Amino acid sequence: MPIVQVKVRPSRRESSLQALDDGSFIATLKASPVDGKANAELVALVARHYQVPRAAVTIKSGASARIKLVVVAPP
């Protein structure tokens, strides 16, 4: 069950997930951080990256912060 650190950059032109050398990620998101839309898009991006369902990805801490800890459960 990997726990990854993700730095989020909301309200960008396109969505992407970039892996860094230290094992963390930078996520650029189209969605703005309003009503949890950016968090939902982040969960979808991480789930697609690890090829697991969205239900297997949860934000452990930092739901309202730019740096989040995300848990990916095995499918």
C-alpha atoms as a PDB file:
ATOM      1  CA  MET A   1       0.000   0.000   0.000  1.00  0.00           C
ATOM      2  CA  PRO A   2       2.116   2.933  -1.216  1.00  0.00           C
ATOM      3  CA  ILE A   3       1.789   6.344   0.383  1.00  0.00           C
ATOM      4  CA  VAL A   4       2.974   9.094  -1.934  1.00  0.00           C
ATOM      5  CA  GLN A   5       3.497  12.801  -1.444  1.00  0.00           C
ATOM      6  CA  VAL A   6       1.896  14.971  -4.122  1.00  0.00           C
ATOM      7  CA  LYS A   7       2.358  18.694  -4.650  1.00  0.00           C
ATOM      8  CA  VAL A   8      -0.769  20.037  -6.335  1.00  0.00           C
ATOM      9  CA  ARG A   9      -0.973  22.940  -8.762  1.00  0.00           C
ATOM     10  CA  PRO A  10      -4.668  23.636  -9.476  1.00  0.00           C
ATOM     11  CA  SER A  11      -6.282  25.807 -12.157  1.00  0.00           C
ATOM     12  CA  ARG A  12      -3.831  25.000 -14.963  1.00  0.00           C
ATOM     13  CA  ARG A  13      -4.411  24.510 -18.685  1.00  0.00           C
ATOM     14  CA  GLU A  14      -4.009  20.743 -18.671  1.00  0.00           C
ATOM     15  CA  SER A  15      -3.858  17.905 -16.171  1.00  0.00           C
ATOM     16  CA  SER A  16      -0.747  15.803 -15.667  1.00  0.00           C
ATOM     17  CA  LEU A  17       1.087  13.796 -13.035  1.00  0.00           C
ATOM     18  CA  GLN A  18       4.874  14.036 -13.011  1.00  0.00           C
ATOM     19  CA  ALA A  19       7.053  11.700 -10.944  1.00  0.00           C
ATOM     20  CA  LEU A  20      10.101  13.213  -9.249  1.00  0.00           C
ATOM     21  CA  ASP A  21      13.400  11.503  -8.416  1.00  0.00           C
ATOM     22  CA  ASP A  22      12.610  11.392  -4.681  1.00  0.00           C
ATOM     23  CA  GLY A  23       9.445   9.317  -5.233  1.00  0.00           C
ATOM     24  CA  SER A  24       7.004  12.199  -4.872  1.00  0.00           C
ATOM     25  CA  PHE A  25       4.788  13.667  -7.588  1.00  0.00           C
ATOM     26  CA  ILE A  26       3.753  17.042  -8.965  1.00  0.00           C
ATOM     27  CA  ALA A  27       0.154  17.135 -10.150  1.00  0.00           C
ATOM     28  CA  THR A  28      -1.072  19.920 -12.399  1.00  0.00           C
ATOM     29  CA  LEU A  29      -4.857  20.008 -12.449  1.00  0.00           C
ATOM     30  CA  LYS A  30      -7.422  21.757 -14.635  1.00  0.00           C
ATOM     31  CA  ALA A  31      -9.914  21.940 -11.787  1.00  0.00           C
ATOM     32  CA  SER A  32      -9.946  24.796  -9.323  1.00  0.00           C
ATOM     33  CA  PRO A  33      -9.737  24.078  -5.584  1.00  0.00           C
ATOM     34  CA  VAL A  34     -13.454  24.719  -5.034  1.00  0.00           C
ATOM     35  CA  ASP A  35     -15.931  22.189  -3.623  1.00  0.00           C
ATOM     36  CA  GLY A  36     -13.348  19.387  -3.749  1.00  0.00           C
ATOM     37  CA  LYS A  37     -13.106  19.397  -7.548  1.00  0.00           C
ATOM     38  CA  ALA A  38      -9.290  19.506  -7.558  1.00  0.00           C
ATOM     39  CA  ASN A  39      -9.106  16.652  -5.026  1.00  0.00           C
ATOM     40  CA  ALA A  40     -11.460  14.532  -7.140  1.00  0.00           C
ATOM     41  CA  GLU A  41      -9.333  15.168 -10.226  1.00  0.00           C
ATOM     42  CA  LEU A  42      -6.180  14.316  -8.267  1.00  0.00           C
ATOM     43  CA  VAL A  43      -7.671  10.991  -7.132  1.00  0.00           C
ATOM     44  CA  ALA A  44      -8.565  10.170 -10.738  1.00  0.00           C
ATOM     45  CA  LEU A  45      -5.045  11.023 -11.965  1.00  0.00           C
ATOM     46  CA  VAL A  46      -3.334   8.926  -9.296  1.00  0.00           C
ATOM     47  CA  ALA A  47      -5.721   6.012  -9.908  1.00  0.00           C
ATOM     48  CA  ARG A  48      -4.967   6.135 -13.635  1.00  0.00           C
ATOM     49  CA  HIS A  49      -1.213   6.262 -12.958  1.00  0.00           C
ATOM     50  CA  TYR A  50      -1.273   3.201 -10.658  1.00  0.00           C
ATOM     51  CA  GLN A  51      -3.972   1.469 -12.769  1.00  0.00           C
ATOM     52  CA  VAL A  52      -6.361   0.978  -9.857  1.00  0.00           C
ATOM     53  CA  PRO A  53      -9.996   2.050  -9.396  1.00  0.00           C
ATOM     54  CA  ARG A  54     -10.612   5.523  -7.980  1.00  0.00           C
ATOM     55  CA  ALA A  55     -12.054   3.917  -4.841  1.00  0.00           C
ATOM     56  CA  ALA A  56      -8.584   2.506  -4.070  1.00  0.00           C
ATOM     57  CA  VAL A  57      -7.076   6.018  -3.807  1.00  0.00           C
ATOM     58  CA  THR A  58      -7.628   8.207  -0.744  1.00  0.00           C
ATOM     59  CA  ILE A  59      -6.157  11.478   0.444  1.00  0.00           C
ATOM     60  CA  LYS A  60      -4.688  10.697   3.856  1.00  0.00           C
ATOM     61  CA  SER A  61      -3.700  14.252   4.813  1.00  0.00           C
ATOM     62  CA  GLY A  62      -3.599  17.706   3.308  1.00  0.00           C
ATOM     63  CA  ALA A  63      -7.064  17.719   1.745  1.00  0.00           C
ATOM     64  CA  SER A  64      -7.091  21.525   1.859  1.00  0.00           C
ATOM     65  CA  ALA A  65      -3.336  22.027   1.362  1.00  0.00           C
ATOM     66  CA  ARG A  66      -1.099  22.107  -1.710  1.00  0.00           C
ATOM     67  CA  ILE A  67       1.023  19.197  -0.459  1.00  0.00           C
ATOM     68  CA  LYS A  68      -0.973  16.012   0.139  1.00  0.00           C
ATOM     69  CA  LEU A  69      -0.281  12.461   1.252  1.00  0.00           C
ATOM     70  CA  VAL A  70      -2.158  10.014  -0.944  1.00  0.00           C
ATOM     71  CA  VAL A  71      -2.676   6.327  -0.128  1.00  0.00           C
ATOM     72  CA  VAL A  72      -3.033   3.818  -2.956  1.00  0.00           C
ATOM     73  CA  ALA A  73      -4.575   0.519  -1.878  1.00  0.00           C
ATOM     74  CA  PRO A  74      -3.992  -2.629  -3.922  1.00  0.00           C
ATOM     75  CA  PRO A  75      -6.883  -3.451  -6.263  1.00  0.00           C
END
